[in-house]
Amino acid sequence: MHHTLTMRALLKAEPSAIKLLLTMTAIAMLCGNPGGLLQAAEMDAATTVTPSRWQWLEGTREQMSRGVTALGRNIDDWLAGESISEETNETFLRLRLQQQLGSLNGYHSKFKVGGSLDLPRTSERWKLIFESDNQELNSLQDNILGENVSGETTGGFRYLQVLTENWELSHDVGLRGRLPVDPYYRTRARFQHALGDVWSFGFSQKLWYYRTDGWGYDTDVKFSRPLGADKVLDVSSNVKYQQSRKQKEFAQSVTIHQSLAELRTLSYSLGLVGISEPNIRVSDYYVESRYRRAIREDWLFLELAPQIIVSRDENWRPEPRLLLNLEMLFFDFQ
């Protein structure tokens, strides 16, 4: 059934995307077996990416990484009024290509850019941040299920405060990439505390205000415990409010994270998403498996996430989906 629906979506896709979709479909058939997926990925890399191409990619990436870190170091030197520094600069750039294939919604593709400009000597806690996707202005459903959303670029400064061993507070001030100019402010508090020898408790509260969209908040509560040497259980609850949408959203999930090797993980999630208007109701149920591994050292990552989503908007008809994310990091620090 899954593969039949996937092929129907494939036939509706743009011709330029067919090759990619065929590759994604083949990967989806292997997702139930991480060992088979790993073997297929290694065989594909060996047959399609020659050593010279890897060398070209690594050389280009290293050159860009040095430029990204040098930019951060030079700006920090200029603002600090000094030209010599032995401090590590943790400026980085992140590029992320997200592909989504669904039996009901077809094929979507999205490119995201993000990063942080580190200014360690100008101030111990200031960073310049920029993102091409605005998480707080997306719906909670979009953020959890990886829907293809338009997103808007934001940029600004972040001030980080480590209040105690368990408490951390950050403040962001910046502009949204649109006309007329849309300034924003957001603050986020994080708390982490051990509950005995097994369980731990995590709390995150984000508040924001945009001139054009008003204010909102996002509350995340999580309980975690280890399940053996390489597994962790997370039980999470989320509540989100956006003034522009005039409704609250809520989500509940149970996830098991497994560490397969260094920079290689596998997780299984079961959850639901709901809304409060016009009445409190569940809008989606979902089950997901997410496999993430580094395919080149610690800077090139592949992420595969097969999903089955049962949505009220689709009369509770199950929809198989596949997410494929390719992420590249640019940095030059140890």
Protein backbone atom coordinates (compact mmCIF):
# COMPACT_ATOMS: atom_id res chain seq x y z
CA MET A 1 0.00 0.00 0.00
CA HIS A 2 2.78 2.42 0.97
CA HIS A 3 4.71 1.97 -2.25
CA THR A 4 1.56 2.24 -4.41
CA LEU A 5 0.69 5.60 -2.87
CA THR A 6 4.27 6.77 -3.20
CA MET A 7 4.30 5.96 -6.91
CA ARG A 8 1.05 7.89 -7.40
CA ALA A 9 2.69 10.95 -5.87
CA LEU A 10 5.75 10.35 -8.02
CA LEU A 11 3.71 10.40 -11.22
CA LYS A 12 2.36 13.83 -10.25
CA ALA A 13 5.82 15.30 -9.55
CA GLU A 14 7.70 17.65 -11.83
CA PRO A 15 9.88 15.84 -14.42
CA SER A 16 13.05 17.45 -13.04
CA ALA A 17 12.39 15.85 -9.64
CA ILE A 18 11.72 12.28 -10.83
CA LYS A 19 15.32 11.09 -10.46
CA LEU A 20 15.51 12.42 -6.91
CA LEU A 21 12.14 10.93 -5.99
CA LEU A 22 13.12 7.51 -7.30
CA THR A 23 16.21 7.64 -5.13
CA MET A 24 14.15 8.67 -2.10
CA THR A 25 11.66 5.86 -2.72
CA ALA A 26 14.48 3.32 -2.83
CA ILE A 27 15.87 4.70 0.42
CA ALA A 28 12.43 4.49 2.02
CA MET A 29 12.31 0.76 1.30
CA LEU A 30 15.51 0.37 3.28
CA CYS A 31 14.58 2.56 6.25
CA GLY A 32 13.28 -0.36 8.26
CA ASN A 33 16.81 -1.78 8.29
CA PRO A 34 19.50 0.71 9.41
CA GLY A 35 22.21 -1.78 8.54
CA GLY A 36 20.88 -2.14 5.00
CA LEU A 37 20.52 1.62 4.73
CA LEU A 38 24.11 2.13 5.80
CA GLN A 39 25.35 -0.49 3.33
CA ALA A 40 23.34 1.08 0.50
CA ALA A 41 24.65 4.55 1.35
CA GLU A 42 28.24 3.35 1.41
CA MET A 43 27.81 1.48 -1.89
CA ASP A 44 26.19 4.54 -3.47
CA ALA A 45 29.00 6.81 -2.26
CA ALA A 46 31.59 4.40 -3.62
CA THR A 47 29.97 4.18 -7.05
CA THR A 48 28.69 7.74 -7.58
CA VAL A 49 31.20 9.92 -5.72
CA THR A 50 34.77 9.42 -6.88
CA PRO A 51 37.72 10.32 -4.63
CA SER A 52 38.46 13.35 -6.79
CA ARG A 53 34.91 14.64 -6.29
CA TRP A 54 35.18 14.14 -2.53
CA GLN A 55 38.47 16.02 -2.60
CA TRP A 56 36.85 18.86 -4.53
CA LEU A 57 33.92 19.02 -2.10
CA GLU A 58 36.17 18.87 0.96
CA GLY A 59 38.52 21.49 -0.46
CA THR A 60 35.66 23.85 -1.30
CA ARG A 61 34.06 23.32 2.09
CA GLU A 62 37.33 23.89 3.98
CA GLN A 63 37.96 27.11 2.04
CA MET A 64 34.47 28.41 2.83
CA SER A 65 34.82 27.33 6.47
CA ARG A 66 38.03 29.31 6.88
CA GLY A 67 36.31 32.32 5.33
CA VAL A 68 33.28 32.00 7.63
CA THR A 69 35.42 31.77 10.77
CA ALA A 70 37.77 34.52 9.58
CA LEU A 71 34.77 36.81 9.11
CA GLY A 72 33.69 36.22 12.69
CA ARG A 73 37.21 36.72 14.03
CA ASN A 74 37.77 39.92 12.04
CA ILE A 75 34.48 41.48 13.14
CA ASP A 76 35.25 40.53 16.73
CA ASP A 77 38.73 42.08 16.44
CA TRP A 78 37.29 45.28 14.97
CA LEU A 79 34.63 45.67 17.64
CA ALA A 80 37.09 44.83 20.42
CA GLY A 81 39.68 47.28 19.05
CA GLU A 82 42.44 44.64 19.03
CA SER A 83 44.05 42.75 16.15
CA ILE A 84 45.64 39.77 17.92
CA SER A 85 43.64 37.05 19.59
CA GLU A 86 44.24 33.44 20.56
CA GLU A 87 40.62 32.76 21.48
CA THR A 88 38.65 30.18 19.51
CA ASN A 89 35.96 31.75 17.35
CA GLU A 90 32.85 29.56 17.01
CA THR A 91 31.23 31.29 14.03
CA PHE A 92 29.44 28.77 11.79
CA LEU A 93 27.17 28.54 8.76
CA ARG A 94 24.57 25.82 8.20
CA LEU A 95 22.97 24.87 4.86
CA ARG A 96 20.04 22.45 4.88
CA LEU A 97 18.18 20.93 1.93
CA GLN A 98 14.84 19.36 2.87
CA GLN A 99 12.90 17.08 0.51
CA GLN A 100 9.40 15.86 1.38
CA LEU A 101 7.40 13.22 -0.46
CA GLY A 102 3.85 12.36 0.58
CA SER A 103 1.11 10.20 -0.91
CA LEU A 104 -1.48 13.00 -0.53
CA ASN A 105 0.56 16.23 -0.65
CA GLY A 106 3.06 15.20 -3.34
CA TYR A 107 6.63 16.46 -3.50
CA HIS A 108 8.08 19.58 -1.84
CA SER A 109 11.59 20.92 -1.56
CA LYS A 110 13.00 23.66 0.65
CA PHE A 111 16.43 25.19 1.21
CA LYS A 112 17.31 26.68 4.60
CA VAL A 113 20.25 28.82 5.68
CA GLY A 114 21.23 29.49 9.28
CA GLY A 115 24.21 30.31 11.40
CA SER A 116 25.77 32.29 14.20
CA LEU A 117 28.48 34.97 14.26
CA ASP A 118 30.54 34.53 17.43
CA LEU A 119 31.96 37.65 19.14
CA PRO A 120 33.86 36.22 22.14
CA ARG A 121 36.04 39.30 22.90
CA THR A 122 33.51 41.98 22.10
CA SER A 123 31.32 40.39 24.75
CA GLU A 124 31.40 36.98 26.34
CA ARG A 125 27.72 36.43 25.63
CA TRP A 126 26.77 38.26 22.41
CA LYS A 127 26.21 36.44 19.11
CA LEU A 128 24.90 37.63 15.75
CA ILE A 129 22.30 35.13 14.49
CA PHE A 130 20.41 34.64 11.21
CA GLU A 131 17.87 32.06 10.05
CA SER A 132 15.95 31.53 6.79
CA ASP A 133 13.05 29.80 8.56
CA ASN A 134 11.16 31.39 11.43
CA GLN A 135 10.18 28.60 13.81
CA GLU A 136 8.01 30.63 16.18
CA LEU A 137 5.87 31.99 13.32
CA ASN A 138 5.21 28.49 11.96
CA SER A 139 2.42 26.40 13.42
CA LEU A 140 3.32 23.74 15.97
CA GLN A 141 2.09 21.12 13.50
CA ASP A 142 4.50 22.38 10.80
CA ASN A 143 7.47 22.36 13.18
CA ILE A 144 6.80 18.83 14.43
CA LEU A 145 5.81 17.12 11.18
CA GLY A 146 8.30 18.90 8.93
CA GLU A 147 5.73 20.47 6.63
CA ASN A 148 7.05 22.57 3.77
CA VAL A 149 6.34 26.16 4.92
CA SER A 150 7.33 29.46 3.37
CA GLY A 151 9.42 30.78 6.27
CA GLU A 152 10.95 34.22 6.49
CA THR A 153 14.52 35.31 7.10
CA THR A 154 15.37 36.93 10.44
CA GLY A 155 18.60 38.39 11.75
CA GLY A 156 19.65 39.96 15.02
CA PHE A 157 21.77 39.78 18.15
CA ARG A 158 21.52 37.20 20.93
CA TYR A 159 22.63 37.78 24.50
CA LEU A 160 23.14 34.61 26.55
CA GLN A 161 23.01 34.49 30.34
CA VAL A 162 23.98 31.38 32.32
CA LEU A 163 22.20 32.13 35.58
CA THR A 164 22.97 28.93 37.49
CA GLU A 165 24.08 25.40 36.72
CA ASN A 166 20.48 24.55 35.79
CA TRP A 167 19.12 27.86 34.42
CA GLU A 168 19.96 29.56 31.12
CA LEU A 169 18.37 32.70 29.69
CA SER A 170 18.74 34.28 26.24
CA HIS A 171 17.50 37.53 24.68
CA ASP A 172 17.20 38.14 20.89
CA VAL A 173 16.68 41.51 19.25
CA GLY A 174 16.58 41.90 15.48
CA LEU A 175 14.69 42.45 12.24
CA ARG A 176 12.51 40.25 10.05
CA GLY A 177 13.50 40.19 6.37
CA ARG A 178 10.53 41.97 4.87
CA LEU A 179 9.16 45.44 4.04
CA PRO A 180 8.07 47.42 5.90
CA VAL A 181 10.75 46.80 8.52
CA ASP A 182 9.51 44.36 11.16
CA PRO A 183 11.52 44.46 14.43
CA TYR A 184 11.19 41.65 16.95
CA TYR A 185 12.19 40.65 20.46
CA ARG A 186 12.22 37.19 21.96
CA THR A 187 13.46 35.66 25.15
CA ARG A 188 13.95 32.03 26.11
CA ALA A 189 14.50 30.38 29.49
CA ARG A 190 15.80 26.82 29.85
CA PHE A 191 15.89 24.69 32.98
CA GLN A 192 17.33 21.21 33.47
CA HIS A 193 17.21 19.21 36.70
CA ALA A 194 17.81 15.60 37.75
CA LEU A 195 14.89 13.81 39.41
CA GLY A 196 16.60 11.15 41.46
CA ASP A 197 19.03 8.69 39.89
CA VAL A 198 17.00 7.86 36.75
CA TRP A 199 14.68 10.58 35.52
CA SER A 200 15.55 14.13 34.52
CA PHE A 201 13.26 17.12 33.97
CA GLY A 202 13.63 19.76 31.28
CA PHE A 203 11.65 22.97 30.83
CA SER A 204 11.83 25.57 28.06
CA GLN A 205 9.76 28.75 27.83
CA LYS A 206 9.99 31.08 24.82
CA LEU A 207 8.22 34.44 24.54
CA TRP A 208 8.31 36.72 21.47
CA TYR A 209 6.86 39.86 19.99
CA TYR A 210 6.81 40.96 16.31
CA ARG A 211 5.52 44.37 15.37
CA THR A 212 3.29 42.99 12.59
CA ASP A 213 2.23 39.63 14.11
CA GLY A 214 1.98 40.46 17.78
CA TRP A 215 3.14 38.23 20.59
CA GLY A 216 3.24 34.52 21.32
CA TYR A 217 4.75 31.85 23.51
CA ASP A 218 5.99 28.28 23.26
CA THR A 219 6.20 26.03 26.33
CA ASP A 220 8.03 22.70 26.25
CA VAL A 221 8.15 20.24 29.17
CA LYS A 222 10.19 17.04 28.89
CA PHE A 223 10.88 14.04 31.12
CA SER A 224 13.81 11.80 30.17
CA ARG A 225 15.42 8.60 31.39
CA PRO A 226 18.01 6.15 30.02
CA LEU A 227 16.93 2.74 28.73
CA GLY A 228 20.16 0.82 28.85
CA ALA A 229 23.56 1.97 27.70
CA ASP A 230 22.59 3.35 24.29
CA LYS A 231 18.89 4.33 24.52
CA VAL A 232 17.05 7.29 26.02
CA LEU A 233 13.30 7.72 26.53
CA ASP A 234 11.76 11.21 26.16
CA VAL A 235 8.18 12.12 27.08
CA SER A 236 7.39 15.64 25.82
CA SER A 237 4.48 18.07 26.07
CA ASN A 238 4.22 21.33 24.09
CA VAL A 239 1.82 24.27 24.18
CA LYS A 240 2.05 27.15 21.70
CA TYR A 241 0.09 30.36 21.29
CA GLN A 242 0.26 32.90 18.44
CA GLN A 243 -1.71 36.12 18.62
CA SER A 244 -1.96 36.32 14.81
CA ARG A 245 -3.62 32.85 14.65
CA LYS A 246 -5.74 33.48 17.78
CA GLN A 247 -5.49 29.90 18.94
CA LYS A 248 -3.47 27.60 21.10
CA GLU A 249 -1.86 24.41 19.81
CA PHE A 250 -0.73 21.45 21.87
CA ALA A 251 1.34 18.34 21.21
CA GLN A 252 2.31 15.20 23.09
CA SER A 253 4.98 12.70 22.05
CA VAL A 254 6.91 9.69 23.27
CA THR A 255 10.33 9.12 21.67
CA ILE A 256 13.07 6.54 22.04
CA HIS A 257 16.51 7.70 20.91
CA GLN A 258 19.17 5.12 20.14
CA SER A 259 22.87 5.78 19.55
CA LEU A 260 24.10 3.36 16.86
CA ALA A 261 27.65 4.70 16.65
CA GLU A 262 29.51 7.99 16.81
CA LEU A 263 27.49 10.63 14.89
CA ARG A 264 24.85 8.04 14.00
CA THR A 265 21.43 7.87 15.70
CA LEU A 266 18.02 6.29 15.24
CA SER A 267 14.80 7.43 16.94
CA TYR A 268 11.19 6.23 17.06
CA SER A 269 8.35 8.64 17.88
CA LEU A 270 4.63 8.36 18.52
CA GLY A 271 2.60 11.51 19.08
CA LEU A 272 -0.38 13.77 18.49
CA VAL A 273 -1.00 17.43 17.66
CA GLY A 274 -4.15 19.41 18.46
CA ILE A 275 -5.73 22.87 18.52
CA SER A 276 -7.96 24.79 20.94
CA GLU A 277 -10.28 26.59 18.48
CA PRO A 278 -13.17 26.34 17.78
CA ASN A 279 -12.90 23.68 20.49
CA ILE A 280 -10.19 21.51 21.98
CA ARG A 281 -9.55 18.62 19.60
CA VAL A 282 -6.79 16.43 18.19
CA SER A 283 -5.97 17.28 14.57
CA ASP A 284 -3.18 14.77 13.78
CA TYR A 285 -1.73 11.50 15.02
CA TYR A 286 1.67 10.42 13.75
CA VAL A 287 4.34 7.74 14.00
CA GLU A 288 7.87 8.40 12.80
CA SER A 289 11.29 6.79 12.55
CA ARG A 290 14.26 9.15 12.09
CA TYR A 291 17.73 7.98 11.07
CA ARG A 292 20.63 10.45 11.11
CA ARG A 293 24.27 9.82 10.29
CA ALA A 294 27.37 11.71 9.30
CA ILE A 295 28.31 10.77 5.76
CA ARG A 296 31.50 12.86 5.81
CA GLU A 297 33.30 13.43 9.11
CA ASP A 298 31.39 15.94 11.30
CA TRP A 299 30.20 18.40 8.65
CA LEU A 300 27.96 16.54 6.17
CA PHE A 301 24.86 14.79 7.52
CA LEU A 302 22.04 12.74 6.01
CA GLU A 303 18.68 12.42 7.77
CA LEU A 304 15.84 10.10 6.74
CA ALA A 305 12.42 10.19 8.38
CA PRO A 306 9.62 7.88 7.19
CA GLN A 307 6.28 8.96 8.68
CA ILE A 308 2.67 7.85 8.80
CA ILE A 309 0.27 10.72 9.56
CA VAL A 310 -3.44 10.38 10.29
CA SER A 311 -5.09 13.78 9.94
CA ARG A 312 -8.58 15.06 10.71
CA ASP A 313 -8.42 17.24 7.56
CA GLU A 314 -8.01 14.06 5.47
CA ASN A 315 -10.91 12.23 7.20
CA TRP A 316 -8.41 10.17 9.21
CA ARG A 317 -6.98 8.57 6.08
CA PRO A 318 -3.36 7.44 6.77
CA GLU A 319 -0.74 9.27 4.71
CA PRO A 320 2.76 7.81 4.30
CA ARG A 321 5.46 10.46 4.00
CA LEU A 322 9.22 10.49 3.59
CA LEU A 323 11.51 13.34 4.64
CA LEU A 324 15.07 13.48 3.34
CA ASN A 325 17.37 16.16 4.78
CA LEU A 326 20.92 16.90 3.72
CA GLU A 327 22.83 19.24 6.02
CA MET A 328 26.27 20.81 5.56
CA LEU A 329 28.13 22.76 8.26
CA PHE A 330 30.89 25.31 7.67
CA PHE A 331 33.22 26.01 10.62
CA ASP A 332 36.92 26.12 11.39
CA PHE A 333 37.25 25.53 15.11
CA GLN A 334 38.12 22.53 17.25
